[in-house]
Amino acid sequence: MGKFLTIADVAEHLAVSAGQVRTLIRNGEIPAIQVGGRGQWRIDEDELEKYIEAGYAVTRKRIADHEI
């Protein structure tokens, strides 16, 4: 298990807004857990890397299928 990241960490890593990261969490695209009394979201860095790798795989397929 990797280090846990905040929504802000993930947003910075992906160069998107925190709201976009929350949407990815809500849609189940990035697995996350809520911790603490205030329910702060945390994302395992290994799960983030899996999400990124899956994105690359989709892009490679689109290129191969000439969808881009």
PDB file of N, CA and C in Angstrom:
ATOM      1  N   MET A   1       0.851  -1.174   0.000  1.00  0.00           N
ATOM      2  CA  MET A   1       0.000   0.000   0.000  1.00  0.00           C
ATOM      3  C   MET A   1       0.893   1.232   0.000  1.00  0.00           C
ATOM      4  N   GLY A   2       0.518   2.182  -0.844  1.00  0.00           N
ATOM      5  CA  GLY A   2       1.306   3.398  -0.962  1.00  0.00           C
ATOM      6  C   GLY A   2       0.888   4.461   0.025  1.00  0.00           C
ATOM      7  N   LYS A   3       1.438   5.602  -0.155  1.00  0.00           N
ATOM      8  CA  LYS A   3       1.140   6.774   0.659  1.00  0.00           C
ATOM      9  C   LYS A   3      -0.262   7.284   0.303  1.00  0.00           C
ATOM     10  N   PHE A   4      -0.971   7.819   1.281  1.00  0.00           N
ATOM     11  CA  PHE A   4      -2.281   8.393   1.028  1.00  0.00           C
ATOM     12  C   PHE A   4      -2.154   9.860   0.644  1.00  0.00           C
ATOM     13  N   LEU A   5      -2.922  10.250  -0.360  1.00  0.00           N
ATOM     14  CA  LEU A   5      -2.900  11.604  -0.885  1.00  0.00           C
ATOM     15  C   LEU A   5      -4.228  12.298  -0.613  1.00  0.00           C
ATOM     16  N   THR A   6      -4.192  13.607  -0.494  1.00  0.00           N
ATOM     17  CA  THR A   6      -5.416  14.392  -0.345  1.00  0.00           C
ATOM     18  C   THR A   6      -5.996  14.687  -1.731  1.00  0.00           C
ATOM     19  N   ILE A   7      -7.214  15.189  -1.747  1.00  0.00           N
ATOM     20  CA  ILE A   7      -7.820  15.609  -3.009  1.00  0.00           C
ATOM     21  C   ILE A   7      -6.945  16.679  -3.662  1.00  0.00           C
ATOM     22  N   ALA A   8      -6.429  17.601  -2.875  1.00  0.00           N
ATOM     23  CA  ALA A   8      -5.563  18.660  -3.419  1.00  0.00           C
ATOM     24  C   ALA A   8      -4.299  18.074  -4.040  1.00  0.00           C
ATOM     25  N   ASP A   9      -3.713  17.072  -3.390  1.00  0.00           N
ATOM     26  CA  ASP A   9      -2.519  16.408  -3.938  1.00  0.00           C
ATOM     27  C   ASP A   9      -2.820  15.800  -5.300  1.00  0.00           C
ATOM     28  N   VAL A  10      -3.942  15.082  -5.372  1.00  0.00           N
ATOM     29  CA  VAL A  10      -4.322  14.403  -6.612  1.00  0.00           C
ATOM     30  C   VAL A  10      -4.636  15.429  -7.701  1.00  0.00           C
ATOM     31  N   ALA A  11      -5.337  16.491  -7.338  1.00  0.00           N
ATOM     32  CA  ALA A  11      -5.656  17.544  -8.308  1.00  0.00           C
ATOM     33  C   ALA A  11      -4.379  18.135  -8.887  1.00  0.00           C
ATOM     34  N   GLU A  12      -3.415  18.400  -8.037  1.00  0.00           N
ATOM     35  CA  GLU A  12      -2.145  18.956  -8.508  1.00  0.00           C
ATOM     36  C   GLU A  12      -1.423  17.960  -9.412  1.00  0.00           C
ATOM     37  N   HIS A  13      -1.419  16.706  -9.008  1.00  0.00           N
ATOM     38  CA  HIS A  13      -0.730  15.658  -9.777  1.00  0.00           C
ATOM     39  C   HIS A  13      -1.334  15.512 -11.176  1.00  0.00           C
ATOM     40  N   LEU A  14      -2.666  15.596 -11.261  1.00  0.00           N
ATOM     41  CA  LEU A  14      -3.355  15.433 -12.541  1.00  0.00           C
ATOM     42  C   LEU A  14      -3.560  16.753 -13.285  1.00  0.00           C
ATOM     43  N   ALA A  15      -3.203  17.864 -12.654  1.00  0.00           N
ATOM     44  CA  ALA A  15      -3.393  19.203 -13.235  1.00  0.00           C
ATOM     45  C   ALA A  15      -4.867  19.450 -13.560  1.00  0.00           C
ATOM     46  N   VAL A  16      -5.730  19.127 -12.588  1.00  0.00           N
ATOM     47  CA  VAL A  16      -7.170  19.371 -12.691  1.00  0.00           C
ATOM     48  C   VAL A  16      -7.624  20.045 -11.402  1.00  0.00           C
ATOM     49  N   SER A  17      -8.900  20.409 -11.338  1.00  0.00           N
ATOM     50  CA  SER A  17      -9.418  21.037 -10.127  1.00  0.00           C
ATOM     51  C   SER A  17      -9.774  19.991  -9.073  1.00  0.00           C
ATOM     52  N   ALA A  18      -9.889  20.444  -7.831  1.00  0.00           N
ATOM     53  CA  ALA A  18     -10.318  19.557  -6.749  1.00  0.00           C
ATOM     54  C   ALA A  18     -11.726  19.038  -7.024  1.00  0.00           C
ATOM     55  N   GLY A  19     -12.564  19.872  -7.617  1.00  0.00           N
ATOM     56  CA  GLY A  19     -13.915  19.435  -7.967  1.00  0.00           C
ATOM     57  C   GLY A  19     -13.912  18.295  -8.964  1.00  0.00           C
ATOM     58  N   GLN A  20     -13.010  18.335  -9.913  1.00  0.00           N
ATOM     59  CA  GLN A  20     -12.902  17.248 -10.881  1.00  0.00           C
ATOM     60  C   GLN A  20     -12.462  15.955 -10.198  1.00  0.00           C
ATOM     61  N   VAL A  21     -11.568  16.056  -9.226  1.00  0.00           N
ATOM     62  CA  VAL A  21     -11.140  14.871  -8.482  1.00  0.00           C
ATOM     63  C   VAL A  21     -12.325  14.310  -7.693  1.00  0.00           C
ATOM     64  N   ARG A  22     -13.110  15.180  -7.069  1.00  0.00           N
ATOM     65  CA  ARG A  22     -14.292  14.711  -6.331  1.00  0.00           C
ATOM     66  C   ARG A  22     -15.260  13.979  -7.264  1.00  0.00           C
ATOM     67  N   THR A  23     -15.419  14.488  -8.473  1.00  0.00           N
ATOM     68  CA  THR A  23     -16.280  13.821  -9.454  1.00  0.00           C
ATOM     69  C   THR A  23     -15.734  12.445  -9.804  1.00  0.00           C
ATOM     70  N   LEU A  24     -14.425  12.336  -9.996  1.00  0.00           N
ATOM     71  CA  LEU A  24     -13.816  11.041 -10.285  1.00  0.00           C
ATOM     72  C   LEU A  24     -14.034  10.062  -9.136  1.00  0.00           C
ATOM     73  N   ILE A  25     -13.986  10.561  -7.910  1.00  0.00           N
ATOM     74  CA  ILE A  25     -14.243   9.718  -6.739  1.00  0.00           C
ATOM     75  C   ILE A  25     -15.710   9.282  -6.726  1.00  0.00           C
ATOM     76  N   ARG A  26     -16.624  10.249  -6.896  1.00  0.00           N
ATOM     77  CA  ARG A  26     -18.061   9.933  -6.895  1.00  0.00           C
ATOM     78  C   ARG A  26     -18.435   8.925  -7.979  1.00  0.00           C
ATOM     79  N   ASN A  27     -17.801   9.053  -9.155  1.00  0.00           N
ATOM     80  CA  ASN A  27     -18.079   8.151 -10.271  1.00  0.00           C
ATOM     81  C   ASN A  27     -17.408   6.787 -10.117  1.00  0.00           C
ATOM     82  N   GLY A  28     -16.575   6.652  -9.088  1.00  0.00           N
ATOM     83  CA  GLY A  28     -15.887   5.382  -8.866  1.00  0.00           C
ATOM     84  C   GLY A  28     -14.667   5.186  -9.749  1.00  0.00           C
ATOM     85  N   GLU A  29     -14.247   6.233 -10.449  1.00  0.00           N
ATOM     86  CA  GLU A  29     -13.091   6.105 -11.328  1.00  0.00           C
ATOM     87  C   GLU A  29     -11.780   6.058 -10.550  1.00  0.00           C
ATOM     88  N   ILE A  30     -11.739   6.769  -9.429  1.00  0.00           N
ATOM     89  CA  ILE A  30     -10.583   6.721  -8.537  1.00  0.00           C
ATOM     90  C   ILE A  30     -11.084   6.260  -7.174  1.00  0.00           C
ATOM     91  N   PRO A  31     -10.646   5.077  -6.717  1.00  0.00           N
ATOM     92  CA  PRO A  31     -11.054   4.612  -5.390  1.00  0.00           C
ATOM     93  C   PRO A  31     -10.502   5.520  -4.299  1.00  0.00           C
ATOM     94  N   ALA A  32     -11.311   5.794  -3.295  1.00  0.00           N
ATOM     95  CA  ALA A  32     -10.892   6.649  -2.185  1.00  0.00           C
ATOM     96  C   ALA A  32     -11.607   6.207  -0.917  1.00  0.00           C
ATOM     97  N   ILE A  33     -11.070   6.630   0.209  1.00  0.00           N
ATOM     98  CA  ILE A  33     -11.703   6.361   1.501  1.00  0.00           C
ATOM     99  C   ILE A  33     -11.895   7.678   2.235  1.00  0.00           C
ATOM    100  N   GLN A  34     -12.852   7.680   3.135  1.00  0.00           N
ATOM    101  CA  GLN A  34     -13.026   8.836   4.006  1.00  0.00           C
ATOM    102  C   GLN A  34     -12.475   8.478   5.379  1.00  0.00           C
ATOM    103  N   VAL A  35     -11.725   9.402   5.950  1.00  0.00           N
ATOM    104  CA  VAL A  35     -11.101   9.172   7.248  1.00  0.00           C
ATOM    105  C   VAL A  35     -11.407  10.323   8.192  1.00  0.00           C
ATOM    106  N   GLY A  36     -11.343  10.031   9.457  1.00  0.00           N
ATOM    107  CA  GLY A  36     -11.505  11.062  10.474  1.00  0.00           C
ATOM    108  C   GLY A  36     -12.942  11.484  10.678  1.00  0.00           C
ATOM    109  N   GLY A  37     -13.152  12.282  11.686  1.00  0.00           N
ATOM    110  CA  GLY A  37     -14.470  12.740  12.067  1.00  0.00           C
ATOM    111  C   GLY A  37     -15.137  13.628  11.035  1.00  0.00           C
ATOM    112  N   ARG A  38     -14.340  14.315  10.245  1.00  0.00           N
ATOM    113  CA  ARG A  38     -14.898  15.207   9.220  1.00  0.00           C
ATOM    114  C   ARG A  38     -14.989  14.541   7.857  1.00  0.00           C
ATOM    115  N   GLY A  39     -14.619  13.265   7.775  1.00  0.00           N
ATOM    116  CA  GLY A  39     -14.740  12.519   6.530  1.00  0.00           C
ATOM    117  C   GLY A  39     -13.874  13.022   5.397  1.00  0.00           C
ATOM    118  N   GLN A  40     -12.635  13.355   5.712  1.00  0.00           N
ATOM    119  CA  GLN A  40     -11.699  13.827   4.691  1.00  0.00           C
ATOM    120  C   GLN A  40     -11.364  12.681   3.734  1.00  0.00           C
ATOM    121  N   TRP A  41     -11.373  12.961   2.439  1.00  0.00           N
ATOM    122  CA  TRP A  41     -11.061  11.948   1.438  1.00  0.00           C
ATOM    123  C   TRP A  41      -9.555  11.737   1.331  1.00  0.00           C
ATOM    124  N   ARG A  42      -9.180  10.463   1.163  1.00  0.00           N
ATOM    125  CA  ARG A  42      -7.783  10.100   0.932  1.00  0.00           C
ATOM    126  C   ARG A  42      -7.729   9.077  -0.192  1.00  0.00           C
ATOM    127  N   ILE A  43      -6.722   9.230  -1.053  1.00  0.00           N
ATOM    128  CA  ILE A  43      -6.544   8.360  -2.204  1.00  0.00           C
ATOM    129  C   ILE A  43      -5.163   7.726  -2.092  1.00  0.00           C
ATOM    130  N   ASP A  44      -5.129   6.402  -2.162  1.00  0.00           N
ATOM    131  CA  ASP A  44      -3.861   5.682  -2.126  1.00  0.00           C
ATOM    132  C   ASP A  44      -3.096   5.997  -3.409  1.00  0.00           C
ATOM    133  N   GLU A  45      -1.829   6.348  -3.301  1.00  0.00           N
ATOM    134  CA  GLU A  45      -1.063   6.716  -4.491  1.00  0.00           C
ATOM    135  C   GLU A  45      -0.978   5.571  -5.493  1.00  0.00           C
ATOM    136  N   ASP A  46      -1.016   4.322  -5.012  1.00  0.00           N
ATOM    137  CA  ASP A  46      -1.007   3.178  -5.928  1.00  0.00           C
ATOM    138  C   ASP A  46      -2.282   3.158  -6.771  1.00  0.00           C
ATOM    139  N   GLU A  47      -3.424   3.516  -6.166  1.00  0.00           N
ATOM    140  CA  GLU A  47      -4.684   3.575  -6.902  1.00  0.00           C
ATOM    141  C   GLU A  47      -4.654   4.708  -7.935  1.00  0.00           C
ATOM    142  N   LEU A  48      -4.038   5.806  -7.580  1.00  0.00           N
ATOM    143  CA  LEU A  48      -3.899   6.912  -8.531  1.00  0.00           C
ATOM    144  C   LEU A  48      -3.053   6.470  -9.712  1.00  0.00           C
ATOM    145  N   GLU A  49      -1.972   5.775  -9.456  1.00  0.00           N
ATOM    146  CA  GLU A  49      -1.119   5.287 -10.544  1.00  0.00           C
ATOM    147  C   GLU A  49      -1.885   4.310 -11.441  1.00  0.00           C
ATOM    148  N   LYS A  50      -2.730   3.460 -10.856  1.00  0.00           N
ATOM    149  CA  LYS A  50      -3.559   2.547 -11.662  1.00  0.00           C
ATOM    150  C   LYS A  50      -4.510   3.337 -12.551  1.00  0.00           C
ATOM    151  N   TYR A  51      -5.105   4.393 -12.017  1.00  0.00           N
ATOM    152  CA  TYR A  51      -6.011   5.244 -12.790  1.00  0.00           C
ATOM    153  C   TYR A  51      -5.269   5.864 -13.967  1.00  0.00           C
ATOM    154  N   ILE A  52      -4.073   6.358 -13.717  1.00  0.00           N
ATOM    155  CA  ILE A  52      -3.281   6.981 -14.771  1.00  0.00           C
ATOM    156  C   ILE A  52      -2.908   5.957 -15.834  1.00  0.00           C
ATOM    157  N   GLU A  53      -2.455   4.789 -15.418  1.00  0.00           N
ATOM    158  CA  GLU A  53      -2.090   3.739 -16.376  1.00  0.00           C
ATOM    159  C   GLU A  53      -3.293   3.319 -17.211  1.00  0.00           C
ATOM    160  N   ALA A  54      -4.467   3.225 -16.588  1.00  0.00           N
ATOM    161  CA  ALA A  54      -5.686   2.879 -17.327  1.00  0.00           C
ATOM    162  C   ALA A  54      -5.995   3.948 -18.366  1.00  0.00           C
ATOM    163  N   GLY A  55      -5.772   5.215 -18.015  1.00  0.00           N
ATOM    164  CA  GLY A  55      -5.973   6.306 -18.962  1.00  0.00           C
ATOM    165  C   GLY A  55      -5.048   6.199 -20.157  1.00  0.00           C
ATOM    166  N   TYR A  56      -3.796   5.844 -19.901  1.00  0.00           N
ATOM    167  CA  TYR A  56      -2.858   5.644 -21.001  1.00  0.00           C
ATOM    168  C   TYR A  56      -3.310   4.488 -21.892  1.00  0.00           C
ATOM    169  N   ALA A  57      -3.795   3.414 -21.298  1.00  0.00           N
ATOM    170  CA  ALA A  57      -4.251   2.256 -22.074  1.00  0.00           C
ATOM    171  C   ALA A  57      -5.423   2.636 -22.980  1.00  0.00           C
ATOM    172  N   VAL A  58      -6.366   3.402 -22.449  1.00  0.00           N
ATOM    173  CA  VAL A  58      -7.507   3.853 -23.249  1.00  0.00           C
ATOM    174  C   VAL A  58      -7.029   4.719 -24.407  1.00  0.00           C
ATOM    175  N   THR A  59      -6.094   5.615 -24.125  1.00  0.00           N
ATOM    176  CA  THR A  59      -5.575   6.489 -25.171  1.00  0.00           C
ATOM    177  C   THR A  59      -4.855   5.685 -26.246  1.00  0.00           C
ATOM    178  N   ARG A  60      -4.038   4.715 -25.837  1.00  0.00           N
ATOM    179  CA  ARG A  60      -3.339   3.875 -26.817  1.00  0.00           C
ATOM    180  C   ARG A  60      -4.338   3.157 -27.724  1.00  0.00           C
ATOM    181  N   LYS A  61      -5.432   2.644 -27.135  1.00  0.00           N
ATOM    182  CA  LYS A  61      -6.449   1.937 -27.919  1.00  0.00           C
ATOM    183  C   LYS A  61      -7.137   2.892 -28.890  1.00  0.00           C
ATOM    184  N   ARG A  62      -7.480   4.069 -28.425  1.00  0.00           N
ATOM    185  CA  ARG A  62      -8.117   5.058 -29.316  1.00  0.00           C
ATOM    186  C   ARG A  62      -7.216   5.409 -30.489  1.00  0.00           C
ATOM    187  N   ILE A  63      -5.923   5.569 -30.220  1.00  0.00           N
ATOM    188  CA  ILE A  63      -4.981   5.877 -31.286  1.00  0.00           C
ATOM    189  C   ILE A  63      -4.907   4.707 -32.257  1.00  0.00           C
ATOM    190  N   ALA A  64      -4.807   3.507 -31.726  1.00  0.00           N
ATOM    191  CA  ALA A  64      -4.725   2.317 -32.571  1.00  0.00           C
ATOM    192  C   ALA A  64      -5.985   2.143 -33.419  1.00  0.00           C
ATOM    193  N   ASP A  65      -7.131   2.513 -32.865  1.00  0.00           N
ATOM    194  CA  ASP A  65      -8.412   2.406 -33.575  1.00  0.00           C
ATOM    195  C   ASP A  65      -8.723   3.640 -34.410  1.00  0.00           C
ATOM    196  N   HIS A  66      -7.780   4.593 -34.441  1.00  0.00           N
ATOM    197  CA  HIS A  66      -7.922   5.841 -35.191  1.00  0.00           C
ATOM    198  C   HIS A  66      -9.126   6.653 -34.756  1.00  0.00           C
ATOM    199  N   GLU A  67      -9.386   6.663 -33.457  1.00  0.00           N
ATOM    200  CA  GLU A  67     -10.520   7.431 -32.925  1.00  0.00           C
ATOM    201  C   GLU A  67     -10.111   8.843 -32.539  1.00  0.00           C
ATOM    202  N   ILE A  68      -8.835   9.141 -32.633  1.00  0.00           N
ATOM    203  CA  ILE A  68      -8.384  10.496 -32.263  1.00  0.00           C
ATOM    204  C   ILE A  68      -8.075  11.275 -33.513  1.00  0.00           C
TER     205      ILE A  68
END
